Amino acid sequence: MCKWINQNLYWMYTGILFLFIINTFIENLVITYIVGVLAVPMLIVSFLGATGLFRIIGTIFMLVGLGLYIFSGLPIYHIPLYTTSTMPLLAFLTVLPWMNSVVRSGRFDRRINEIMKANVSDLGKLYVRSSFTTYILCTFINLSALPFTQDVLKKNMANMKKRVTDSFISKTTLRAFAVALAWSPMEIIVAITVDATGISYLTYLPWLFLCSLIIITLDSLWSKQRYQTIPYESAGHRPIRKIDPKKIVIQIFKLLLALTVFLIIVVTVGNYFKLNFILSVTLVILPFSFGWALLMKRWHTFCAIGWKTWKVRTNNLQNFVVLFLSLAFFSSSLNETPFLHIIQQPFLGASDQPLIILILIQMTYLVMSMIGVHPIATIGVLIEVLPPLYEIMNPVSIGIVLITGALATATVGTYGVTVTMTSMNTKQNPYRITLRNMPFALFYGAIGVLIAFFLN
């Protein structure tokens, strides 16, 4: 019975989230209440399938939220109205696999990944190529790019010492992943920040891209120098592979053109319907992906890949359902109490020192990631605490650090999805991955803080 439920969770999730999105336009209080009531069994079923870490985080949020709710003196029958604020994030995650699928159906991932399979003489050159490849793919297919590029590197480096291979893969792929998502409209941290600060995504875009470009360039140059003394030993006796630069450039150009069109449509839809950024992206992804597949004449491949990927991804959303629904209840309850002002005091106390505030945000992410708290949980609290500072500081500055601080932890969060996935793929200790990438995470956060500080 439990197996059957886990295999068909996508029906429950899709039905509830679809009802929520429809109600965004209708704004019916009865439907809002019904969605809130349905969120309760949704949370219970998801809790049973969630991992231990997310169960602990969800339980803490729910218990503290319940305590705050009781303290505020609100009636029990209002509880369902306090569980829906994060539904847009779940809806966003539900449709995201379709964008990944259209990129895969067009075989853009395979074409671009040929860069890593071409002949190179040392690991310094391979690092730059691997970093660039992962960066491009992560921008479009997000987390799906990590196992894909890591598997290619494992096969190509099978003749190298495991210590060298582990270090190389955990650095180049995780760092490129964390940097690429800094400006990606498909990254949930970016979407949350845009809506929380009320600043247009297009305002953030040039600064986030600049930050991303600076970090990926400096990391590539430094790592190229570090690894260039190690000769590259390709696995097996394969013939030298040559890449066609023209074909690769064309593929990258097509991807960038598609992303540009996607952003134009998102901004247009958001402005026309007066929607927040998360909902705008959510509504555009599905029709855009289907339209793109038709233009490429890859309709049947897209549907086959998309349907399978969507079902698997949606059926495995338990961790995020537990996190987001419990976070919604906690943050909504917190807003009804005076405790929010107490949490705000350290930040307000440093209001005349913008640099201190930005560093404090960055370090909050880092510390919380070290004890296993997901950056989305951290930002969920920070966006409730920081709004009073928008009158004192440039909210763009705060938003940049909210994004870069969160994404920097993708390289060092020992219990995070990315580090855990890399640990499993390469069979190495996750703490060792954290230790190797800690200097980069601090550097990433520092660049974000500096750009934010000069913008303030």
Protein backbone atom coordinates (compact mmCIF):
# COMPACT_ATOMS: atom_id res chain seq x y z
CA MET A 1 0.00 0.00 0.00
CA CYS A 2 2.79 2.43 0.96
CA LYS A 3 4.62 1.61 -2.28
CA TRP A 4 1.48 2.34 -4.30
CA ILE A 5 1.03 5.68 -2.52
CA ASN A 6 4.66 6.67 -3.13
CA GLN A 7 4.34 5.84 -6.82
CA ASN A 8 1.20 7.96 -7.19
CA LEU A 9 2.02 10.98 -5.05
CA TYR A 10 2.22 13.09 -8.20
CA TRP A 11 -1.58 12.95 -8.51
CA MET A 12 -2.07 14.36 -5.01
CA TYR A 13 0.60 17.02 -5.35
CA THR A 14 -0.52 18.11 -8.80
CA GLY A 15 -4.21 18.27 -7.86
CA ILE A 16 -3.67 20.40 -4.76
CA LEU A 17 -1.13 22.71 -6.39
CA PHE A 18 -3.28 23.12 -9.51
CA LEU A 19 -6.22 24.13 -7.31
CA PHE A 20 -3.97 26.63 -5.54
CA ILE A 21 -2.79 28.20 -8.82
CA ILE A 22 -6.36 28.46 -10.14
CA ASN A 23 -7.36 30.18 -6.92
CA THR A 24 -4.55 32.69 -7.38
CA PHE A 25 -6.69 34.23 -10.11
CA ILE A 26 -10.09 33.57 -8.50
CA GLU A 27 -9.07 34.59 -4.95
CA ASN A 28 -11.93 32.65 -3.35
CA LEU A 29 -11.65 32.37 0.45
CA VAL A 30 -13.48 29.03 0.54
CA ILE A 31 -11.05 27.49 -1.98
CA THR A 32 -8.13 28.99 -0.04
CA TYR A 33 -9.41 27.23 3.08
CA ILE A 34 -9.93 23.95 1.20
CA VAL A 35 -6.32 24.08 -0.11
CA GLY A 36 -5.14 24.70 3.45
CA VAL A 37 -7.13 21.71 4.73
CA LEU A 38 -5.74 19.50 1.94
CA ALA A 39 -2.21 20.61 2.90
CA VAL A 40 -2.55 18.67 6.18
CA PRO A 41 -2.81 15.14 4.66
CA MET A 42 -0.30 16.26 2.04
CA LEU A 43 2.15 17.02 4.84
CA ILE A 44 1.43 13.79 6.75
CA VAL A 45 1.90 11.53 3.71
CA SER A 46 5.06 13.39 2.70
CA PHE A 47 6.45 13.21 6.24
CA LEU A 48 6.32 9.40 6.10
CA GLY A 49 8.48 9.38 2.95
CA ALA A 50 10.86 12.20 3.87
CA THR A 51 14.45 11.65 4.96
CA GLY A 52 15.43 11.90 8.62
CA LEU A 53 17.02 15.34 8.33
CA PHE A 54 13.95 16.92 6.74
CA ARG A 55 11.69 15.20 9.27
CA ILE A 56 13.67 16.80 12.07
CA ILE A 57 13.60 20.25 10.44
CA GLY A 58 9.88 19.92 9.65
CA THR A 59 9.06 18.78 13.18
CA ILE A 60 10.96 21.71 14.69
CA PHE A 61 9.20 24.21 12.43
CA MET A 62 5.78 22.69 13.18
CA LEU A 63 6.25 22.51 16.95
CA VAL A 64 7.70 26.02 17.24
CA GLY A 65 5.05 27.30 14.82
CA LEU A 66 2.30 25.67 16.89
CA GLY A 67 3.70 27.26 20.03
CA LEU A 68 3.76 30.68 18.36
CA TYR A 69 0.25 30.14 16.99
CA ILE A 70 -1.14 29.30 20.44
CA PHE A 71 0.75 32.24 21.95
CA SER A 72 -0.83 34.61 19.42
CA GLY A 73 -4.30 33.51 20.55
CA LEU A 74 -5.59 32.70 17.07
CA PRO A 75 -8.53 30.26 16.70
CA ILE A 76 -7.70 26.66 15.81
CA TYR A 77 -9.95 26.65 12.74
CA HIS A 78 -7.74 29.32 11.12
CA ILE A 79 -4.73 26.97 10.99
CA PRO A 80 -5.34 25.87 7.36
CA LEU A 81 -5.04 29.51 6.26
CA TYR A 82 -1.48 29.55 7.63
CA THR A 83 -0.13 26.64 5.58
CA THR A 84 -0.38 27.90 1.99
CA SER A 85 2.14 30.76 1.73
CA THR A 86 4.85 28.50 0.27
CA MET A 87 2.59 26.67 -2.20
CA PRO A 88 4.02 28.71 -5.14
CA LEU A 89 7.46 27.24 -4.41
CA LEU A 90 6.10 23.69 -4.55
CA ALA A 91 4.25 24.46 -7.78
CA PHE A 92 7.51 25.83 -9.19
CA LEU A 93 9.39 22.63 -8.31
CA THR A 94 6.62 20.52 -9.81
CA VAL A 95 6.88 22.02 -13.31
CA LEU A 96 10.67 22.49 -13.34
CA PRO A 97 11.40 18.95 -14.65
CA TRP A 98 9.70 19.84 -17.94
CA MET A 99 12.32 22.50 -18.66
CA ASN A 100 15.06 20.00 -17.90
CA SER A 101 13.39 17.48 -20.19
CA VAL A 102 13.19 19.78 -23.21
CA VAL A 103 16.94 20.48 -22.94
CA ARG A 104 17.65 16.76 -22.76
CA SER A 105 15.27 15.90 -25.61
CA GLY A 106 17.12 18.40 -27.82
CA ARG A 107 20.37 16.61 -26.83
CA PHE A 108 21.93 19.92 -25.85
CA ASP A 109 23.44 18.26 -22.78
CA ARG A 110 25.22 15.58 -24.85
CA ARG A 111 26.54 18.03 -27.42
CA ILE A 112 27.96 20.44 -24.84
CA ASN A 113 29.38 17.59 -22.78
CA GLU A 114 31.55 16.60 -25.74
CA ILE A 115 33.86 19.37 -24.60
CA MET A 116 34.97 17.18 -21.69
CA LYS A 117 35.58 14.16 -23.90
CA ALA A 118 37.97 15.90 -26.27
CA ASN A 119 41.71 15.34 -25.92
CA VAL A 120 43.51 17.36 -23.23
CA SER A 121 47.09 17.08 -21.99
CA ASP A 122 46.73 17.95 -18.31
CA LEU A 123 44.15 18.29 -15.56
CA GLY A 124 44.44 22.08 -15.62
CA LYS A 125 42.87 22.23 -19.08
CA LEU A 126 40.33 19.55 -18.14
CA TYR A 127 39.30 21.59 -15.08
CA VAL A 128 38.50 24.65 -17.20
CA ARG A 129 36.54 22.57 -19.71
CA SER A 130 34.66 20.66 -17.00
CA SER A 131 33.84 23.83 -15.12
CA PHE A 132 32.57 25.56 -18.26
CA THR A 133 30.48 22.54 -19.29
CA THR A 134 28.92 22.13 -15.86
CA TYR A 135 28.25 25.87 -15.69
CA ILE A 136 26.34 25.92 -18.99
CA LEU A 137 24.33 22.79 -18.23
CA CYS A 138 23.45 23.81 -14.65
CA THR A 139 22.07 27.12 -15.89
CA PHE A 140 19.43 25.21 -17.84
CA ILE A 141 18.89 21.84 -16.17
CA ASN A 142 19.90 22.71 -12.61
CA LEU A 143 20.61 19.74 -10.33
CA SER A 144 20.22 17.23 -13.19
CA ALA A 145 23.56 18.40 -14.61
CA LEU A 146 25.58 17.27 -11.58
CA PRO A 147 25.31 13.46 -11.87
CA PHE A 148 25.57 13.77 -15.65
CA THR A 149 28.91 15.65 -15.68
CA GLN A 150 30.27 13.71 -12.70
CA ASP A 151 29.63 10.39 -14.45
CA VAL A 152 31.45 11.61 -17.57
CA LEU A 153 34.43 12.72 -15.50
CA LYS A 154 34.52 9.43 -13.57
CA LYS A 155 34.67 7.44 -16.80
CA ASN A 156 37.28 9.71 -18.38
CA MET A 157 39.46 9.73 -15.26
CA ALA A 158 39.18 6.02 -14.45
CA ASN A 159 42.97 5.60 -14.82
CA MET A 160 43.79 8.43 -12.42
CA LYS A 161 44.41 8.00 -8.69
CA LYS A 162 41.15 8.04 -6.72
CA ARG A 163 42.39 10.80 -4.42
CA VAL A 164 43.04 13.06 -7.41
CA THR A 165 39.76 12.15 -9.11
CA ASP A 166 37.72 12.75 -5.95
CA SER A 167 39.28 16.13 -5.34
CA PHE A 168 38.91 17.17 -8.99
CA ILE A 169 35.25 16.15 -9.37
CA SER A 170 34.09 17.56 -6.03
CA LYS A 171 35.66 20.90 -6.84
CA THR A 172 34.94 21.51 -10.50
CA THR A 173 31.32 20.30 -10.59
CA LEU A 174 30.07 21.66 -7.26
CA ARG A 175 31.71 25.05 -7.72
CA ALA A 176 30.41 25.50 -11.26
CA PHE A 177 26.94 24.40 -10.09
CA ALA A 178 26.85 26.92 -7.23
CA VAL A 179 28.06 29.80 -9.41
CA ALA A 180 25.85 29.05 -12.44
CA LEU A 181 22.64 29.18 -10.42
CA ALA A 182 23.38 32.66 -9.05
CA TRP A 183 21.59 34.28 -11.99
CA SER A 184 19.40 31.42 -13.25
CA PRO A 185 15.66 32.23 -13.25
CA MET A 186 15.05 28.49 -12.71
CA GLU A 187 16.83 28.59 -9.32
CA ILE A 188 14.36 28.64 -6.43
CA ILE A 189 16.61 30.77 -4.16
CA VAL A 190 16.70 33.47 -6.85
CA ALA A 191 12.91 33.33 -7.26
CA ILE A 192 12.32 33.56 -3.49
CA THR A 193 14.65 36.56 -3.19
CA VAL A 194 13.08 38.43 -6.11
CA ASP A 195 9.61 38.10 -4.57
CA ALA A 196 10.75 38.76 -0.99
CA THR A 197 12.57 42.01 -1.81
CA GLY A 198 10.07 43.22 -4.41
CA ILE A 199 12.90 44.06 -6.82
CA SER A 200 12.64 43.07 -10.48
CA TYR A 201 14.68 40.07 -11.60
CA LEU A 202 16.08 42.19 -14.43
CA THR A 203 17.52 44.59 -11.84
CA TYR A 204 19.38 41.73 -10.16
CA LEU A 205 20.46 40.02 -13.38
CA PRO A 206 23.52 42.12 -14.39
CA TRP A 207 24.97 42.13 -10.86
CA LEU A 208 24.40 38.44 -10.27
CA PHE A 209 25.87 37.60 -13.66
CA LEU A 210 28.89 39.81 -12.92
CA CYS A 211 29.41 38.06 -9.57
CA SER A 212 29.05 34.68 -11.25
CA LEU A 213 31.49 35.59 -14.04
CA ILE A 214 34.13 36.92 -11.64
CA ILE A 215 34.04 33.82 -9.45
CA ILE A 216 34.01 31.20 -12.22
CA THR A 217 36.85 33.00 -14.03
CA LEU A 218 39.09 33.38 -10.99
CA ASP A 219 38.42 29.82 -9.81
CA SER A 220 39.19 28.45 -13.28
CA LEU A 221 42.46 30.41 -13.54
CA TRP A 222 43.62 29.43 -10.06
CA SER A 223 42.67 25.76 -10.47
CA LYS A 224 44.24 25.61 -13.93
CA GLN A 225 47.55 26.66 -12.39
CA ARG A 226 47.14 24.15 -9.57
CA TYR A 227 46.27 21.15 -11.74
CA GLN A 228 48.36 21.81 -14.83
CA THR A 229 51.34 19.90 -13.36
CA ILE A 230 49.26 16.69 -13.28
CA PRO A 231 49.19 14.91 -16.65
CA TYR A 232 45.80 13.68 -17.80
CA GLU A 233 45.52 9.94 -18.29
CA SER A 234 42.45 9.14 -20.37
CA ALA A 235 40.67 5.87 -19.61
CA GLY A 236 41.37 3.09 -22.10
CA HIS A 237 43.06 3.40 -25.46
CA ARG A 238 40.50 5.57 -27.15
CA PRO A 239 41.25 7.54 -30.30
CA ILE A 240 41.82 11.25 -29.81
CA ARG A 241 38.50 13.04 -29.95
CA LYS A 242 38.22 16.40 -31.61
CA ILE A 243 35.43 18.83 -31.02
CA ASP A 244 33.80 21.02 -33.61
CA PRO A 245 33.85 24.51 -32.02
CA LYS A 246 31.25 25.76 -34.49
CA LYS A 247 28.70 23.11 -33.46
CA ILE A 248 29.29 23.73 -29.76
CA VAL A 249 28.93 27.51 -30.19
CA ILE A 250 25.68 27.00 -32.13
CA GLN A 251 24.28 24.79 -29.36
CA ILE A 252 25.19 27.30 -26.66
CA PHE A 253 23.76 30.15 -28.74
CA LYS A 254 20.46 28.26 -29.11
CA LEU A 255 20.28 27.72 -25.37
CA LEU A 256 21.00 31.38 -24.62
CA LEU A 257 18.42 32.47 -27.20
CA ALA A 258 15.84 30.17 -25.63
CA LEU A 259 16.64 31.52 -22.16
CA THR A 260 16.29 35.12 -23.41
CA VAL A 261 12.90 34.39 -24.97
CA PHE A 262 11.85 32.59 -21.79
CA LEU A 263 12.76 35.60 -19.63
CA ILE A 264 10.93 38.01 -21.93
CA ILE A 265 7.78 35.89 -21.71
CA VAL A 266 8.10 35.56 -17.91
CA VAL A 267 8.44 39.32 -17.42
CA THR A 268 5.57 40.03 -19.84
CA VAL A 269 3.22 37.54 -18.16
CA GLY A 270 4.15 38.81 -14.70
CA ASN A 271 3.52 42.44 -15.61
CA TYR A 272 0.28 41.72 -17.47
CA PHE A 273 -1.32 39.57 -14.77
CA LYS A 274 0.39 41.37 -11.84
CA LEU A 275 1.93 38.12 -10.62
CA ASN A 276 5.01 37.57 -8.49
CA PHE A 277 8.14 36.17 -10.11
CA ILE A 278 7.75 32.60 -8.83
CA LEU A 279 4.22 32.22 -10.18
CA SER A 280 5.17 33.85 -13.47
CA VAL A 281 8.00 31.36 -14.02
CA THR A 282 5.74 28.48 -12.94
CA LEU A 283 3.02 29.40 -15.42
CA VAL A 284 5.44 29.93 -18.32
CA ILE A 285 7.65 26.82 -17.98
CA LEU A 286 5.11 24.25 -19.19
CA PRO A 287 3.80 25.97 -22.36
CA PHE A 288 7.29 27.25 -23.18
CA SER A 289 8.79 23.75 -22.90
CA PHE A 290 6.08 22.24 -25.10
CA GLY A 291 6.45 25.02 -27.66
CA TRP A 292 10.24 24.65 -27.73
CA ALA A 293 9.93 20.89 -28.25
CA LEU A 294 7.58 21.47 -31.20
CA LEU A 295 9.98 23.97 -32.79
CA MET A 296 12.84 21.49 -32.49
CA LYS A 297 10.62 18.71 -33.88
CA ARG A 298 11.45 16.62 -30.82
CA TRP A 299 7.86 16.33 -29.60
CA HIS A 300 7.67 12.56 -29.06
CA THR A 301 11.10 12.37 -27.41
CA PHE A 302 10.23 15.33 -25.18
CA CYS A 303 6.93 13.79 -24.08
CA ALA A 304 8.56 10.43 -23.34
CA ILE A 305 11.43 11.94 -21.35
CA GLY A 306 9.28 14.64 -19.77
CA TRP A 307 6.49 12.38 -18.52
CA LYS A 308 8.89 9.88 -16.96
CA THR A 309 11.11 12.57 -15.43
CA TRP A 310 8.16 14.56 -14.14
CA LYS A 311 6.57 11.55 -12.42
CA VAL A 312 9.83 10.49 -10.77
CA ARG A 313 10.73 14.01 -9.62
CA THR A 314 7.22 14.82 -8.37
CA ASN A 315 6.94 11.52 -6.52
CA ASN A 316 10.18 12.42 -4.73
CA LEU A 317 9.17 15.87 -3.55
CA GLN A 318 8.46 14.65 -0.01
CA ASN A 319 11.44 16.44 1.52
CA PHE A 320 10.49 19.78 0.01
CA VAL A 321 6.79 19.36 0.82
CA VAL A 322 7.67 18.76 4.47
CA LEU A 323 10.11 21.67 4.49
CA PHE A 324 7.89 24.22 2.72
CA LEU A 325 4.58 23.44 4.43
CA SER A 326 6.12 23.42 7.90
CA LEU A 327 8.06 26.58 7.04
CA ALA A 328 4.85 28.27 5.89
CA PHE A 329 3.14 27.49 9.19
CA PHE A 330 6.15 28.63 11.20
CA SER A 331 6.73 31.93 9.36
CA SER A 332 3.01 32.79 9.23
CA SER A 333 2.67 32.14 12.96
CA LEU A 334 5.85 34.08 13.72
CA ASN A 335 4.44 37.14 11.95
CA GLU A 336 1.52 37.15 14.40
CA THR A 337 3.78 37.45 17.46
CA PRO A 338 6.21 40.04 18.86
CA PHE A 339 9.04 37.48 18.71
CA LEU A 340 9.81 38.52 15.15
CA HIS A 341 10.99 41.89 16.43
CA ILE A 342 13.32 40.17 18.91
CA ILE A 343 14.96 38.15 16.12
CA GLN A 344 15.32 41.35 14.09
CA GLN A 345 17.28 43.17 16.79
CA PRO A 346 20.81 41.95 15.87
CA PHE A 347 20.27 43.11 12.29
CA LEU A 348 18.62 46.41 13.28
CA GLY A 349 21.36 47.00 15.85
CA ALA A 350 23.92 46.98 13.04
CA SER A 351 21.79 49.12 10.72
CA ASP A 352 24.48 51.84 10.59
CA GLN A 353 27.05 49.23 9.53
CA PRO A 354 25.82 47.78 6.18
CA LEU A 355 28.93 45.65 5.73
CA ILE A 356 28.35 43.96 9.11
CA ILE A 357 24.73 43.17 8.15
CA LEU A 358 25.77 41.64 4.83
CA ILE A 359 28.47 39.53 6.49
CA LEU A 360 25.97 38.49 9.19
CA ILE A 361 23.56 37.23 6.49
CA GLN A 362 26.36 35.33 4.78
CA MET A 363 27.60 33.71 8.00
CA THR A 364 24.07 32.78 9.04
CA TYR A 365 23.77 30.65 5.90
CA LEU A 366 27.17 29.07 6.42
CA VAL A 367 26.62 28.17 10.07
CA MET A 368 23.13 26.80 9.46
CA SER A 369 24.33 24.67 6.52
CA MET A 370 27.00 23.12 8.74
CA ILE A 371 24.32 21.74 11.09
CA GLY A 372 22.17 20.47 8.24
CA VAL A 373 19.64 23.27 7.81
CA HIS A 374 18.69 23.70 4.16
CA PRO A 375 19.36 27.23 2.80
CA ILE A 376 15.68 27.49 1.80
CA ALA A 377 14.75 27.06 5.45
CA THR A 378 17.29 29.73 6.40
CA ILE A 379 16.10 32.19 3.77
CA GLY A 380 12.52 31.49 4.86
CA VAL A 381 13.36 32.98 8.24
CA LEU A 382 15.64 35.76 6.93
CA ILE A 383 13.02 37.16 4.54
CA GLU A 384 10.71 37.62 7.53
CA VAL A 385 13.43 39.30 9.58
CA LEU A 386 15.08 41.64 7.06
CA PRO A 387 12.24 43.79 5.55
CA PRO A 388 12.70 46.66 8.06
CA LEU A 389 16.23 47.08 6.68
CA TYR A 390 14.89 47.79 3.19
CA GLU A 391 14.21 51.35 4.35
CA ILE A 392 17.79 51.75 5.55
CA MET A 393 19.77 49.73 3.00
CA ASN A 394 19.44 49.12 -0.70
CA PRO A 395 17.24 45.98 -0.93
CA VAL A 396 19.21 44.95 -4.04
CA SER A 397 22.31 44.66 -1.86
CA ILE A 398 20.48 42.50 0.65
CA GLY A 399 19.00 40.39 -2.14
CA ILE A 400 22.39 39.72 -3.74
CA VAL A 401 23.80 38.39 -0.48
CA LEU A 402 20.64 36.36 0.16
CA ILE A 403 21.30 34.63 -3.16
CA THR A 404 25.10 34.29 -3.13
CA GLY A 405 25.19 33.35 0.54
CA ALA A 406 22.67 30.56 0.01
CA LEU A 407 24.26 29.16 -3.14
CA ALA A 408 27.78 29.22 -1.70
CA THR A 409 26.63 26.57 0.79
CA ALA A 410 25.91 24.18 -2.11
CA THR A 411 29.64 23.42 -2.15
CA VAL A 412 30.06 22.84 1.60
CA GLY A 413 26.71 21.81 3.12
CA THR A 414 27.73 18.37 4.44
CA TYR A 415 24.12 17.25 4.75
CA GLY A 416 22.92 19.13 1.68
CA VAL A 417 21.60 17.54 -1.51
CA THR A 418 24.55 18.50 -3.73
CA VAL A 419 27.35 17.40 -1.40
CA THR A 420 25.49 14.20 -0.48
CA MET A 421 24.89 13.41 -4.16
CA THR A 422 28.56 13.98 -4.99
CA SER A 423 29.61 11.87 -2.04
CA MET A 424 27.44 8.99 -3.26
CA ASN A 425 28.53 9.35 -6.90
CA THR A 426 32.24 9.36 -6.08
CA LYS A 427 32.15 7.23 -2.90
CA GLN A 428 34.03 9.73 -0.78
CA ASN A 429 33.51 11.20 2.69
CA PRO A 430 31.13 14.22 2.56
CA TYR A 431 33.14 15.98 5.27
CA ARG A 432 36.19 15.83 3.02
CA ILE A 433 34.17 17.51 0.24
CA THR A 434 33.17 20.22 2.71
CA LEU A 435 36.76 20.77 3.79
CA ARG A 436 38.04 21.01 0.20
CA ASN A 437 35.42 23.56 -0.83
CA MET A 438 35.32 25.73 2.30
CA PRO A 439 37.88 28.28 0.97
CA PHE A 440 35.81 28.60 -2.21
CA ALA A 441 32.54 29.04 -0.28
CA LEU A 442 34.10 31.85 1.78
CA PHE A 443 35.50 33.43 -1.39
CA TYR A 444 32.12 33.16 -3.13
CA GLY A 445 30.37 34.78 -0.19
CA ALA A 446 33.02 37.52 0.05
CA ILE A 447 32.61 38.50 -3.64
CA GLY A 448 28.83 38.64 -3.17
CA VAL A 449 29.21 40.80 -0.06
CA LEU A 450 31.66 43.18 -1.78
CA ILE A 451 29.43 43.70 -4.83
CA ALA A 452 26.43 44.21 -2.55
CA PHE A 453 28.34 46.65 -0.33
CA PHE A 454 29.42 48.84 -3.27
CA LEU A 455 25.83 48.91 -4.53
CA ASN A 456 24.44 50.04 -1.20
